Amino acid sequence: MYTIRVDAIKNRLYVTLAGYFTLEEMTRCGDETIEATAKLRPGYDVITDITQFKAGPPEVAKDIARVQAHFRKSGARQGVRIVGGNVVSGMQFRRTSAQAVYNSVNVPTLEAAEELLNKL
């Protein structure tokens, strides 16, 4: 399951990923996420909540990297991942963001994510 929300005023994209994703589901989510970035201005930020996400196979990781590469190429300023206690998924996303050369950090809560971005 996933949700995607755009806040045009804050110039932020919010993505929540929960559960285990097949490659088909992750590709659909990735495509919709990429479409949502068209509603934002260059310099936008991305907050991704993966507290309930279950790390997937390499094919799913490749699709995550595809979306992260899009963020970088389309002008995202900063990515923030809400990981809570989800260490495994946080590591998977950290690896894919390094491969995509996408600037993103892990934080424990939405409040921490908002605070970090508000200070930039």
PDB file of N, CA and C in Angstrom:
ATOM      1  N   MET A   1       0.836  -1.174   0.000  1.00  0.00           N
ATOM      2  CA  MET A   1       0.000   0.000   0.000  1.00  0.00           C
ATOM      3  C   MET A   1       0.885   1.242   0.000  1.00  0.00           C
ATOM      4  N   TYR A   2       0.419   2.275  -0.699  1.00  0.00           N
ATOM      5  CA  TYR A   2       1.166   3.521  -0.717  1.00  0.00           C
ATOM      6  C   TYR A   2       0.216   4.706  -0.858  1.00  0.00           C
ATOM      7  N   THR A   3       0.690   5.849  -0.396  1.00  0.00           N
ATOM      8  CA  THR A   3      -0.017   7.109  -0.617  1.00  0.00           C
ATOM      9  C   THR A   3       1.000   8.135  -1.083  1.00  0.00           C
ATOM     10  N   ILE A   4       0.526   9.035  -1.926  1.00  0.00           N
ATOM     11  CA  ILE A   4       1.369  10.107  -2.464  1.00  0.00           C
ATOM     12  C   ILE A   4       0.593  11.401  -2.293  1.00  0.00           C
ATOM     13  N   ARG A   5       1.250  12.397  -1.710  1.00  0.00           N
ATOM     14  CA  ARG A   5       0.593  13.685  -1.495  1.00  0.00           C
ATOM     15  C   ARG A   5       1.564  14.799  -1.862  1.00  0.00           C
ATOM     16  N   VAL A   6       1.046  15.810  -2.551  1.00  0.00           N
ATOM     17  CA  VAL A   6       1.843  16.971  -2.937  1.00  0.00           C
ATOM     18  C   VAL A   6       1.386  18.164  -2.107  1.00  0.00           C
ATOM     19  N   ASP A   7       2.331  18.873  -1.520  1.00  0.00           N
ATOM     20  CA  ASP A   7       2.051  20.141  -0.846  1.00  0.00           C
ATOM     21  C   ASP A   7       2.754  21.221  -1.664  1.00  0.00           C
ATOM     22  N   ALA A   8       1.990  21.866  -2.554  1.00  0.00           N
ATOM     23  CA  ALA A   8       2.573  22.854  -3.459  1.00  0.00           C
ATOM     24  C   ALA A   8       3.046  24.096  -2.708  1.00  0.00           C
ATOM     25  N   ILE A   9       2.410  24.425  -1.596  1.00  0.00           N
ATOM     26  CA  ILE A   9       2.817  25.606  -0.824  1.00  0.00           C
ATOM     27  C   ILE A   9       4.196  25.394  -0.211  1.00  0.00           C
ATOM     28  N   LYS A  10       4.405  24.247   0.421  1.00  0.00           N
ATOM     29  CA  LYS A  10       5.716  23.936   1.007  1.00  0.00           C
ATOM     30  C   LYS A  10       6.692  23.413  -0.040  1.00  0.00           C
ATOM     31  N   ASN A  11       6.200  23.112  -1.245  1.00  0.00           N
ATOM     32  CA  ASN A  11       7.010  22.530  -2.316  1.00  0.00           C
ATOM     33  C   ASN A  11       7.607  21.197  -1.865  1.00  0.00           C
ATOM     34  N   ARG A  12       6.696  20.335  -1.332  1.00  0.00           N
ATOM     35  CA  ARG A  12       7.116  19.045  -0.804  1.00  0.00           C
ATOM     36  C   ARG A  12       6.250  17.917  -1.336  1.00  0.00           C
ATOM     37  N   LEU A  13       6.906  16.792  -1.504  1.00  0.00           N
ATOM     38  CA  LEU A  13       6.236  15.556  -1.893  1.00  0.00           C
ATOM     39  C   LEU A  13       6.291  14.612  -0.692  1.00  0.00           C
ATOM     40  N   TYR A  14       5.135  14.050  -0.349  1.00  0.00           N
ATOM     41  CA  TYR A  14       5.039  13.099   0.757  1.00  0.00           C
ATOM     42  C   TYR A  14       4.646  11.738   0.189  1.00  0.00           C
ATOM     43  N   VAL A  15       5.459  10.730   0.467  1.00  0.00           N
ATOM     44  CA  VAL A  15       5.188   9.377  -0.006  1.00  0.00           C
ATOM     45  C   VAL A  15       5.229   8.446   1.211  1.00  0.00           C
ATOM     46  N   THR A  16       4.191   7.636   1.353  1.00  0.00           N
ATOM     47  CA  THR A  16       4.158   6.639   2.420  1.00  0.00           C
ATOM     48  C   THR A  16       4.093   5.258   1.784  1.00  0.00           C
ATOM     49  N   LEU A  17       5.008   4.388   2.203  1.00  0.00           N
ATOM     50  CA  LEU A  17       5.070   3.020   1.701  1.00  0.00           C
ATOM     51  C   LEU A  17       4.852   2.080   2.882  1.00  0.00           C
ATOM     52  N   ALA A  18       3.923   1.131   2.738  1.00  0.00           N
ATOM     53  CA  ALA A  18       3.648   0.189   3.828  1.00  0.00           C
ATOM     54  C   ALA A  18       3.490  -1.221   3.265  1.00  0.00           C
ATOM     55  N   GLY A  19       4.095  -2.175   3.936  1.00  0.00           N
ATOM     56  CA  GLY A  19       3.964  -3.565   3.540  1.00  0.00           C
ATOM     57  C   GLY A  19       5.026  -3.992   2.537  1.00  0.00           C
ATOM     58  N   TYR A  20       4.771  -5.152   1.956  1.00  0.00           N
ATOM     59  CA  TYR A  20       5.680  -5.750   0.982  1.00  0.00           C
ATOM     60  C   TYR A  20       5.179  -5.422  -0.421  1.00  0.00           C
ATOM     61  N   PHE A  21       6.084  -5.007  -1.310  1.00  0.00           N
ATOM     62  CA  PHE A  21       5.730  -4.622  -2.673  1.00  0.00           C
ATOM     63  C   PHE A  21       6.267  -5.638  -3.674  1.00  0.00           C
ATOM     64  N   THR A  22       5.420  -6.019  -4.622  1.00  0.00           N
ATOM     65  CA  THR A  22       5.909  -6.764  -5.775  1.00  0.00           C
ATOM     66  C   THR A  22       6.568  -5.745  -6.708  1.00  0.00           C
ATOM     67  N   LEU A  23       7.288  -6.221  -7.695  1.00  0.00           N
ATOM     68  CA  LEU A  23       7.898  -5.304  -8.660  1.00  0.00           C
ATOM     69  C   LEU A  23       6.813  -4.501  -9.375  1.00  0.00           C
ATOM     70  N   GLU A  24       5.719  -5.146  -9.737  1.00  0.00           N
ATOM     71  CA  GLU A  24       4.622  -4.447 -10.415  1.00  0.00           C
ATOM     72  C   GLU A  24       4.055  -3.314  -9.550  1.00  0.00           C
ATOM     73  N   GLU A  25       3.838  -3.597  -8.288  1.00  0.00           N
ATOM     74  CA  GLU A  25       3.315  -2.565  -7.381  1.00  0.00           C
ATOM     75  C   GLU A  25       4.306  -1.423  -7.202  1.00  0.00           C
ATOM     76  N   MET A  26       5.585  -1.745  -7.052  1.00  0.00           N
ATOM     77  CA  MET A  26       6.590  -0.701  -6.859  1.00  0.00           C
ATOM     78  C   MET A  26       6.736   0.136  -8.121  1.00  0.00           C
ATOM     79  N   THR A  27       6.653  -0.487  -9.281  1.00  0.00           N
ATOM     80  CA  THR A  27       6.743   0.263 -10.533  1.00  0.00           C
ATOM     81  C   THR A  27       5.569   1.227 -10.669  1.00  0.00           C
ATOM     82  N   ARG A  28       4.365   0.761 -10.346  1.00  0.00           N
ATOM     83  CA  ARG A  28       3.180   1.625 -10.400  1.00  0.00           C
ATOM     84  C   ARG A  28       3.324   2.790  -9.421  1.00  0.00           C
ATOM     85  N   CYS A  29       3.751   2.487  -8.196  1.00  0.00           N
ATOM     86  CA  CYS A  29       3.972   3.531  -7.199  1.00  0.00           C
ATOM     87  C   CYS A  29       5.041   4.510  -7.679  1.00  0.00           C
ATOM     88  N   GLY A  30       6.126   3.985  -8.233  1.00  0.00           N
ATOM     89  CA  GLY A  30       7.202   4.835  -8.733  1.00  0.00           C
ATOM     90  C   GLY A  30       6.736   5.742  -9.855  1.00  0.00           C
ATOM     91  N   ASP A  31       5.959   5.198 -10.785  1.00  0.00           N
ATOM     92  CA  ASP A  31       5.441   6.013 -11.892  1.00  0.00           C
ATOM     93  C   ASP A  31       4.547   7.136 -11.376  1.00  0.00           C
ATOM     94  N   GLU A  32       3.671   6.815 -10.419  1.00  0.00           N
ATOM     95  CA  GLU A  32       2.784   7.838  -9.854  1.00  0.00           C
ATOM     96  C   GLU A  32       3.572   8.878  -9.060  1.00  0.00           C
ATOM     97  N   THR A  33       4.613   8.446  -8.396  1.00  0.00           N
ATOM     98  CA  THR A  33       5.465   9.375  -7.649  1.00  0.00           C
ATOM     99  C   THR A  33       6.162  10.335  -8.606  1.00  0.00           C
ATOM    100  N   ILE A  34       6.689   9.807  -9.689  1.00  0.00           N
ATOM    101  CA  ILE A  34       7.353  10.651 -10.691  1.00  0.00           C
ATOM    102  C   ILE A  34       6.357  11.643 -11.285  1.00  0.00           C
ATOM    103  N   GLU A  35       5.151  11.190 -11.593  1.00  0.00           N
ATOM    104  CA  GLU A  35       4.115  12.098 -12.116  1.00  0.00           C
ATOM    105  C   GLU A  35       3.814  13.215 -11.125  1.00  0.00           C
ATOM    106  N   ALA A  36       3.786  12.900  -9.844  1.00  0.00           N
ATOM    107  CA  ALA A  36       3.469  13.903  -8.821  1.00  0.00           C
ATOM    108  C   ALA A  36       4.528  14.999  -8.747  1.00  0.00           C
ATOM    109  N   THR A  37       5.779  14.686  -9.076  1.00  0.00           N
ATOM    110  CA  THR A  37       6.826  15.711  -8.997  1.00  0.00           C
ATOM    111  C   THR A  37       6.612  16.824 -10.020  1.00  0.00           C
ATOM    112  N   ALA A  38       5.834  16.563 -11.062  1.00  0.00           N
ATOM    113  CA  ALA A  38       5.553  17.592 -12.071  1.00  0.00           C
ATOM    114  C   ALA A  38       4.729  18.737 -11.479  1.00  0.00           C
ATOM    115  N   LYS A  39       4.096  18.505 -10.350  1.00  0.00           N
ATOM    116  CA  LYS A  39       3.288  19.540  -9.692  1.00  0.00           C
ATOM    117  C   LYS A  39       4.111  20.427  -8.774  1.00  0.00           C
ATOM    118  N   LEU A  40       5.423  20.150  -8.690  1.00  0.00           N
ATOM    119  CA  LEU A  40       6.302  20.891  -7.788  1.00  0.00           C
ATOM    120  C   LEU A  40       7.335  21.696  -8.564  1.00  0.00           C
ATOM    121  N   ARG A  41       7.890  22.708  -7.906  1.00  0.00           N
ATOM    122  CA  ARG A  41       8.932  23.545  -8.504  1.00  0.00           C
ATOM    123  C   ARG A  41      10.308  22.938  -8.227  1.00  0.00           C
ATOM    124  N   PRO A  42      11.283  23.190  -9.099  1.00  0.00           N
ATOM    125  CA  PRO A  42      12.651  22.734  -8.796  1.00  0.00           C
ATOM    126  C   PRO A  42      13.052  23.229  -7.409  1.00  0.00           C
ATOM    127  N   GLY A  43      13.797  22.404  -6.689  1.00  0.00           N
ATOM    128  CA  GLY A  43      14.163  22.714  -5.316  1.00  0.00           C
ATOM    129  C   GLY A  43      13.183  22.111  -4.317  1.00  0.00           C
ATOM    130  N   TYR A  44      12.297  21.246  -4.804  1.00  0.00           N
ATOM    131  CA  TYR A  44      11.319  20.612  -3.915  1.00  0.00           C
ATOM    132  C   TYR A  44      12.015  19.613  -2.989  1.00  0.00           C
ATOM    133  N   ASP A  45      11.326  19.267  -1.908  1.00  0.00           N
ATOM    134  CA  ASP A  45      11.809  18.271  -0.955  1.00  0.00           C
ATOM    135  C   ASP A  45      10.899  17.053  -0.999  1.00  0.00           C
ATOM    136  N   VAL A  46      11.435  15.912  -0.590  1.00  0.00           N
ATOM    137  CA  VAL A  46      10.681  14.656  -0.572  1.00  0.00           C
ATOM    138  C   VAL A  46      10.764  14.054   0.826  1.00  0.00           C
ATOM    139  N   ILE A  47       9.600  13.760   1.405  1.00  0.00           N
ATOM    140  CA  ILE A  47       9.540  13.031   2.669  1.00  0.00           C
ATOM    141  C   ILE A  47       8.908  11.679   2.374  1.00  0.00           C
ATOM    142  N   THR A  48       9.652  10.618   2.657  1.00  0.00           N
ATOM    143  CA  THR A  48       9.178   9.260   2.413  1.00  0.00           C
ATOM    144  C   THR A  48       9.083   8.523   3.747  1.00  0.00           C
ATOM    145  N   ASP A  49       7.873   8.101   4.086  1.00  0.00           N
ATOM    146  CA  ASP A  49       7.650   7.357   5.323  1.00  0.00           C
ATOM    147  C   ASP A  49       7.748   5.862   5.012  1.00  0.00           C
ATOM    148  N   ILE A  50       8.798   5.226   5.525  1.00  0.00           N
ATOM    149  CA  ILE A  50       8.987   3.790   5.298  1.00  0.00           C
ATOM    150  C   ILE A  50       8.941   3.010   6.616  1.00  0.00           C
ATOM    151  N   THR A  51       8.293   3.583   7.622  1.00  0.00           N
ATOM    152  CA  THR A  51       8.243   2.916   8.930  1.00  0.00           C
ATOM    153  C   THR A  51       7.563   1.552   8.853  1.00  0.00           C
ATOM    154  N   GLN A  52       6.628   1.363   7.913  1.00  0.00           N
ATOM    155  CA  GLN A  52       5.905   0.095   7.786  1.00  0.00           C
ATOM    156  C   GLN A  52       6.266  -0.662   6.508  1.00  0.00           C
ATOM    157  N   PHE A  53       7.293  -0.196   5.794  1.00  0.00           N
ATOM    158  CA  PHE A  53       7.716  -0.810   4.535  1.00  0.00           C
ATOM    159  C   PHE A  53       8.553  -2.058   4.816  1.00  0.00           C
ATOM    160  N   LYS A  54       8.314  -3.100   4.043  1.00  0.00           N
ATOM    161  CA  LYS A  54       9.097  -4.338   4.141  1.00  0.00           C
ATOM    162  C   LYS A  54      10.098  -4.367   2.989  1.00  0.00           C
ATOM    163  N   ALA A  55      11.378  -4.429   3.320  1.00  0.00           N
ATOM    164  CA  ALA A  55      12.422  -4.447   2.294  1.00  0.00           C
ATOM    165  C   ALA A  55      12.164  -5.584   1.309  1.00  0.00           C
ATOM    166  N   GLY A  56      12.388  -5.281   0.030  1.00  0.00           N
ATOM    167  CA  GLY A  56      12.077  -6.247  -1.017  1.00  0.00           C
ATOM    168  C   GLY A  56      13.294  -6.774  -1.732  1.00  0.00           C
ATOM    169  N   PRO A  57      13.058  -7.557  -2.787  1.00  0.00           N
ATOM    170  CA  PRO A  57      14.143  -8.157  -3.567  1.00  0.00           C
ATOM    171  C   PRO A  57      14.885  -7.104  -4.396  1.00  0.00           C
ATOM    172  N   PRO A  58      15.996  -7.497  -5.008  1.00  0.00           N
ATOM    173  CA  PRO A  58      16.803  -6.554  -5.793  1.00  0.00           C
ATOM    174  C   PRO A  58      16.023  -5.811  -6.884  1.00  0.00           C
ATOM    175  N   GLU A  59      15.037  -6.469  -7.508  1.00  0.00           N
ATOM    176  CA  GLU A  59      14.266  -5.799  -8.561  1.00  0.00           C
ATOM    177  C   GLU A  59      13.493  -4.601  -7.998  1.00  0.00           C
ATOM    178  N   VAL A  60      12.950  -4.756  -6.796  1.00  0.00           N
ATOM    179  CA  VAL A  60      12.229  -3.660  -6.149  1.00  0.00           C
ATOM    180  C   VAL A  60      13.217  -2.548  -5.795  1.00  0.00           C
ATOM    181  N   ALA A  61      14.374  -2.924  -5.299  1.00  0.00           N
ATOM    182  CA  ALA A  61      15.399  -1.927  -4.964  1.00  0.00           C
ATOM    183  C   ALA A  61      15.813  -1.132  -6.201  1.00  0.00           C
ATOM    184  N   LYS A  62      15.917  -1.806  -7.353  1.00  0.00           N
ATOM    185  CA  LYS A  62      16.271  -1.102  -8.595  1.00  0.00           C
ATOM    186  C   LYS A  62      15.220  -0.055  -8.950  1.00  0.00           C
ATOM    187  N   ASP A  63      13.959  -0.381  -8.714  1.00  0.00           N
ATOM    188  CA  ASP A  63      12.914   0.585  -9.034  1.00  0.00           C
ATOM    189  C   ASP A  63      12.927   1.755  -8.058  1.00  0.00           C
ATOM    190  N   ILE A  64      13.249   1.491  -6.806  1.00  0.00           N
ATOM    191  CA  ILE A  64      13.404   2.577  -5.840  1.00  0.00           C
ATOM    192  C   ILE A  64      14.513   3.509  -6.313  1.00  0.00           C
ATOM    193  N   ALA A  65      15.623   2.944  -6.753  1.00  0.00           N
ATOM    194  CA  ALA A  65      16.742   3.750  -7.256  1.00  0.00           C
ATOM    195  C   ALA A  65      16.331   4.552  -8.489  1.00  0.00           C
ATOM    196  N   ARG A  66      15.477   3.978  -9.333  1.00  0.00           N
ATOM    197  CA  ARG A  66      14.985   4.702 -10.524  1.00  0.00           C
ATOM    198  C   ARG A  66      14.256   5.976 -10.111  1.00  0.00           C
ATOM    199  N   VAL A  67      13.402   5.870  -9.113  1.00  0.00           N
ATOM    200  CA  VAL A  67      12.637   7.035  -8.657  1.00  0.00           C
ATOM    201  C   VAL A  67      13.570   8.040  -7.988  1.00  0.00           C
ATOM    202  N   GLN A  68      14.499   7.562  -7.193  1.00  0.00           N
ATOM    203  CA  GLN A  68      15.447   8.464  -6.542  1.00  0.00           C
ATOM    204  C   GLN A  68      16.307   9.197  -7.574  1.00  0.00           C
ATOM    205  N   ALA A  69      16.694   8.516  -8.635  1.00  0.00           N
ATOM    206  CA  ALA A  69      17.455   9.167  -9.706  1.00  0.00           C
ATOM    207  C   ALA A  69      16.602  10.256 -10.364  1.00  0.00           C
ATOM    208  N   HIS A  70      15.312   9.987 -10.520  1.00  0.00           N
ATOM    209  CA  HIS A  70      14.413  11.009 -11.060  1.00  0.00           C
ATOM    210  C   HIS A  70      14.378  12.229 -10.142  1.00  0.00           C
ATOM    211  N   PHE A  71      14.307  12.004  -8.839  1.00  0.00           N
ATOM    212  CA  PHE A  71      14.305  13.134  -7.901  1.00  0.00           C
ATOM    213  C   PHE A  71      15.534  14.009  -8.141  1.00  0.00           C
ATOM    214  N   ARG A  72      16.692  13.387  -8.222  1.00  0.00           N
ATOM    215  CA  ARG A  72      17.935  14.147  -8.418  1.00  0.00           C
ATOM    216  C   ARG A  72      17.890  14.916  -9.735  1.00  0.00           C
ATOM    217  N   LYS A  73      17.509  14.226 -10.815  1.00  0.00           N
ATOM    218  CA  LYS A  73      17.513  14.849 -12.146  1.00  0.00           C
ATOM    219  C   LYS A  73      16.463  15.938 -12.283  1.00  0.00           C
ATOM    220  N   SER A  74      15.369  15.817 -11.548  1.00  0.00           N
ATOM    221  CA  SER A  74      14.282  16.798 -11.683  1.00  0.00           C
ATOM    222  C   SER A  74      14.411  17.972 -10.724  1.00  0.00           C
ATOM    223  N   GLY A  75      15.492  18.009  -9.953  1.00  0.00           N
ATOM    224  CA  GLY A  75      15.749  19.188  -9.141  1.00  0.00           C
ATOM    225  C   GLY A  75      15.337  19.117  -7.682  1.00  0.00           C
ATOM    226  N   ALA A  76      15.186  17.911  -7.145  1.00  0.00           N
ATOM    227  CA  ALA A  76      14.882  17.812  -5.715  1.00  0.00           C
ATOM    228  C   ALA A  76      16.047  18.370  -4.909  1.00  0.00           C
ATOM    229  N   ARG A  77      15.717  19.089  -3.860  1.00  0.00           N
ATOM    230  CA  ARG A  77      16.743  19.672  -2.996  1.00  0.00           C
ATOM    231  C   ARG A  77      17.192  18.676  -1.936  1.00  0.00           C
ATOM    232  N   GLN A  78      16.224  18.091  -1.240  1.00  0.00           N
ATOM    233  CA  GLN A  78      16.561  17.214  -0.120  1.00  0.00           C
ATOM    234  C   GLN A  78      15.513  16.121   0.025  1.00  0.00           C
ATOM    235  N   GLY A  79      15.971  14.935   0.314  1.00  0.00           N
ATOM    236  CA  GLY A  79      15.088  13.823   0.645  1.00  0.00           C
ATOM    237  C   GLY A  79      15.239  13.476   2.106  1.00  0.00           C
ATOM    238  N   VAL A  80      14.125  13.112   2.725  1.00  0.00           N
ATOM    239  CA  VAL A  80      14.141  12.683   4.118  1.00  0.00           C
ATOM    240  C   VAL A  80      13.303  11.419   4.216  1.00  0.00           C
ATOM    241  N   ARG A  81      13.874  10.384   4.816  1.00  0.00           N
ATOM    242  CA  ARG A  81      13.156   9.131   5.026  1.00  0.00           C
ATOM    243  C   ARG A  81      12.799   8.998   6.491  1.00  0.00           C
ATOM    244  N   ILE A  82      11.518   8.757   6.759  1.00  0.00           N
ATOM    245  CA  ILE A  82      11.080   8.476   8.122  1.00  0.00           C
ATOM    246  C   ILE A  82      11.192   6.973   8.300  1.00  0.00           C
ATOM    247  N   VAL A  83      12.089   6.546   9.184  1.00  0.00           N
ATOM    248  CA  VAL A  83      12.337   5.117   9.334  1.00  0.00           C
ATOM    249  C   VAL A  83      11.829   4.558  10.659  1.00  0.00           C
ATOM    250  N   GLY A  84      11.599   5.413  11.651  1.00  0.00           N
ATOM    251  CA  GLY A  84      11.204   4.888  12.952  1.00  0.00           C
ATOM    252  C   GLY A  84      12.224   3.856  13.385  1.00  0.00           C
ATOM    253  N   GLY A  85      11.767   2.657  13.748  1.00  0.00           N
ATOM    254  CA  GLY A  85      12.672   1.582  14.130  1.00  0.00           C
ATOM    255  C   GLY A  85      12.939   0.602  13.003  1.00  0.00           C
ATOM    256  N   ASN A  86      12.571   0.957  11.777  1.00  0.00           N
ATOM    257  CA  ASN A  86      12.682   0.060  10.628  1.00  0.00           C
ATOM    258  C   ASN A  86      14.087   0.136  10.034  1.00  0.00           C
ATOM    259  N   VAL A  87      15.033  -0.493  10.702  1.00  0.00           N
ATOM    260  CA  VAL A  87      16.442  -0.413  10.315  1.00  0.00           C
ATOM    261  C   VAL A  87      16.707  -1.048   8.954  1.00  0.00           C
ATOM    262  N   VAL A  88      16.112  -2.202   8.674  1.00  0.00           N
ATOM    263  CA  VAL A  88      16.392  -2.925   7.424  1.00  0.00           C
ATOM    264  C   VAL A  88      15.948  -2.109   6.212  1.00  0.00           C
ATOM    265  N   SER A  89      14.725  -1.588   6.241  1.00  0.00           N
ATOM    266  CA  SER A  89      14.248  -0.782   5.111  1.00  0.00           C
ATOM    267  C   SER A  89      15.057   0.503   4.985  1.00  0.00           C
ATOM    268  N   GLY A  90      15.421   1.093   6.115  1.00  0.00           N
ATOM    269  CA  GLY A  90      16.262   2.290   6.083  1.00  0.00           C
ATOM    270  C   GLY A  90      17.585   2.026   5.395  1.00  0.00           C
ATOM    271  N   MET A  91      18.172   0.856   5.652  1.00  0.00           N
ATOM    272  CA  MET A  91      19.439   0.503   4.996  1.00  0.00           C
ATOM    273  C   MET A  91      19.238   0.301   3.501  1.00  0.00           C
ATOM    274  N   GLN A  92      18.124  -0.351   3.108  1.00  0.00           N
ATOM    275  CA  GLN A  92      17.868  -0.574   1.681  1.00  0.00           C
ATOM    276  C   GLN A  92      17.732   0.766   0.955  1.00  0.00           C
ATOM    277  N   PHE A  93      16.985   1.685   1.522  1.00  0.00           N
ATOM    278  CA  PHE A  93      16.801   2.988   0.889  1.00  0.00           C
ATOM    279  C   PHE A  93      18.099   3.795   0.894  1.00  0.00           C
ATOM    280  N   ARG A  94      18.905   3.680   1.927  1.00  0.00           N
ATOM    281  CA  ARG A  94      20.186   4.391   1.970  1.00  0.00           C
ATOM    282  C   ARG A  94      21.096   3.882   0.851  1.00  0.00           C
ATOM    283  N   ARG A  95      21.110   2.549   0.643  1.00  0.00           N
ATOM    284  CA  ARG A  95      21.921   1.969  -0.444  1.00  0.00           C
ATOM    285  C   ARG A  95      21.450   2.466  -1.808  1.00  0.00           C
ATOM    286  N   THR A  96      20.130   2.440  -2.043  1.00  0.00           N
ATOM    287  CA  THR A  96      19.637   2.845  -3.355  1.00  0.00           C
ATOM    288  C   THR A  96      19.859   4.334  -3.591  1.00  0.00           C
ATOM    289  N   SER A  97      19.760   5.151  -2.549  1.00  0.00           N
ATOM    290  CA  SER A  97      19.988   6.588  -2.749  1.00  0.00           C
ATOM    291  C   SER A  97      21.456   6.859  -3.060  1.00  0.00           C
ATOM    292  N   ALA A  98      22.357   6.071  -2.497  1.00  0.00           N
ATOM    293  CA  ALA A  98      23.773   6.228  -2.830  1.00  0.00           C
ATOM    294  C   ALA A  98      24.011   5.860  -4.285  1.00  0.00           C
ATOM    295  N   GLN A  99      23.370   4.791  -4.754  1.00  0.00           N
ATOM    296  CA  GLN A  99      23.505   4.390  -6.154  1.00  0.00           C
ATOM    297  C   GLN A  99      22.946   5.457  -7.093  1.00  0.00           C
ATOM    298  N   ALA A 100      21.858   6.098  -6.678  1.00  0.00           N
ATOM    299  CA  ALA A 100      21.194   7.108  -7.516  1.00  0.00           C
ATOM    300  C   ALA A 100      21.811   8.490  -7.339  1.00  0.00           C
ATOM    301  N   VAL A 101      22.783   8.616  -6.444  1.00  0.00           N
ATOM    302  CA  VAL A 101      23.412   9.890  -6.098  1.00  0.00           C
ATOM    303  C   VAL A 101      22.325  10.900  -5.702  1.00  0.00           C
ATOM    304  N   TYR A 102      21.454  10.454  -4.819  1.00  0.00           N
ATOM    305  CA  TYR A 102      20.319  11.242  -4.344  1.00  0.00           C
ATOM    306  C   TYR A 102      20.562  11.616  -2.887  1.00  0.00           C
ATOM    307  N   ASN A 103      20.479  12.901  -2.586  1.00  0.00           N
ATOM    308  CA  ASN A 103      20.756  13.426  -1.259  1.00  0.00           C
ATOM    309  C   ASN A 103      19.569  13.174  -0.334  1.00  0.00           C
ATOM    310  N   SER A 104      19.694  12.197   0.570  1.00  0.00           N
ATOM    311  CA  SER A 104      18.609  11.865   1.471  1.00  0.00           C
ATOM    312  C   SER A 104      19.161  11.382   2.802  1.00  0.00           C
ATOM    313  N   VAL A 105      18.413  11.644   3.870  1.00  0.00           N
ATOM    314  CA  VAL A 105      18.822  11.241   5.213  1.00  0.00           C
ATOM    315  C   VAL A 105      17.682  10.511   5.908  1.00  0.00           C
ATOM    316  N   ASN A 106      18.024   9.711   6.910  1.00  0.00           N
ATOM    317  CA  ASN A 106      17.036   8.993   7.714  1.00  0.00           C
ATOM    318  C   ASN A 106      16.744   9.770   8.993  1.00  0.00           C
ATOM    319  N   VAL A 107      15.472   9.837   9.369  1.00  0.00           N
ATOM    320  CA  VAL A 107      15.044  10.436  10.631  1.00  0.00           C
ATOM    321  C   VAL A 107      13.994   9.518  11.255  1.00  0.00           C
ATOM    322  N   PRO A 108      13.736   9.685  12.569  1.00  0.00           N
ATOM    323  CA  PRO A 108      12.799   8.763  13.216  1.00  0.00           C
ATOM    324  C   PRO A 108      11.316   9.106  13.048  1.00  0.00           C
ATOM    325  N   THR A 109      10.968  10.390  12.832  1.00  0.00           N
ATOM    326  CA  THR A 109       9.555  10.794  12.835  1.00  0.00           C
ATOM    327  C   THR A 109       9.259  11.852  11.772  1.00  0.00           C
ATOM    328  N   LEU A 110       7.969  12.019  11.481  1.00  0.00           N
ATOM    329  CA  LEU A 110       7.541  13.085  10.572  1.00  0.00           C
ATOM    330  C   LEU A 110       7.908  14.449  11.138  1.00  0.00           C
ATOM    331  N   GLU A 111       7.746  14.618  12.431  1.00  0.00           N
ATOM    332  CA  GLU A 111       8.093  15.892  13.059  1.00  0.00           C
ATOM    333  C   GLU A 111       9.568  16.231  12.842  1.00  0.00           C
ATOM    334  N   ALA A 112      10.444  15.234  12.985  1.00  0.00           N
ATOM    335  CA  ALA A 112      11.875  15.440  12.758  1.00  0.00           C
ATOM    336  C   ALA A 112      12.151  15.787  11.299  1.00  0.00           C
ATOM    337  N   ALA A 113      11.429  15.156  10.388  1.00  0.00           N
ATOM    338  CA  ALA A 113      11.592  15.440   8.957  1.00  0.00           C
ATOM    339  C   ALA A 113      11.193  16.878   8.642  1.00  0.00           C
ATOM    340  N   GLU A 114      10.028  17.280   9.128  1.00  0.00           N
ATOM    341  CA  GLU A 114       9.554  18.651   8.887  1.00  0.00           C
ATOM    342  C   GLU A 114      10.508  19.665   9.491  1.00  0.00           C
ATOM    343  N   GLU A 115      10.969  19.403  10.690  1.00  0.00           N
ATOM    344  CA  GLU A 115      11.892  20.332  11.370  1.00  0.00           C
ATOM    345  C   GLU A 115      13.182  20.478  10.578  1.00  0.00           C
ATOM    346  N   LEU A 116      13.733  19.362  10.125  1.00  0.00           N
ATOM    347  CA  LEU A 116      14.968  19.394   9.346  1.00  0.00           C
ATOM    348  C   LEU A 116      14.777  20.237   8.081  1.00  0.00           C
ATOM    349  N   LEU A 117      13.706  20.000   7.359  1.00  0.00           N
ATOM    350  CA  LEU A 117      13.481  20.728   6.110  1.00  0.00           C
ATOM    351  C   LEU A 117      13.166  22.194   6.348  1.00  0.00           C
ATOM    352  N   ASN A 118      12.462  22.505   7.401  1.00  0.00           N
ATOM    353  CA  ASN A 118      12.145  23.898   7.708  1.00  0.00           C
ATOM    354  C   ASN A 118      13.381  24.717   8.028  1.00  0.00           C
ATOM    355  N   LYS A 119      14.438  24.057   8.499  1.00  0.00           N
ATOM    356  CA  LYS A 119      15.681  24.758   8.843  1.00  0.00           C
ATOM    357  C   LYS A 119      16.575  25.013   7.636  1.00  0.00           C
ATOM    358  N   LEU A 120      16.310  24.324   6.531  1.00  0.00           N
ATOM    359  CA  LEU A 120      17.151  24.495   5.333  1.00  0.00           C
ATOM    360  C   LEU A 120      16.864  25.809   4.638  1.00  0.00           C
TER     361      LEU A 120
END
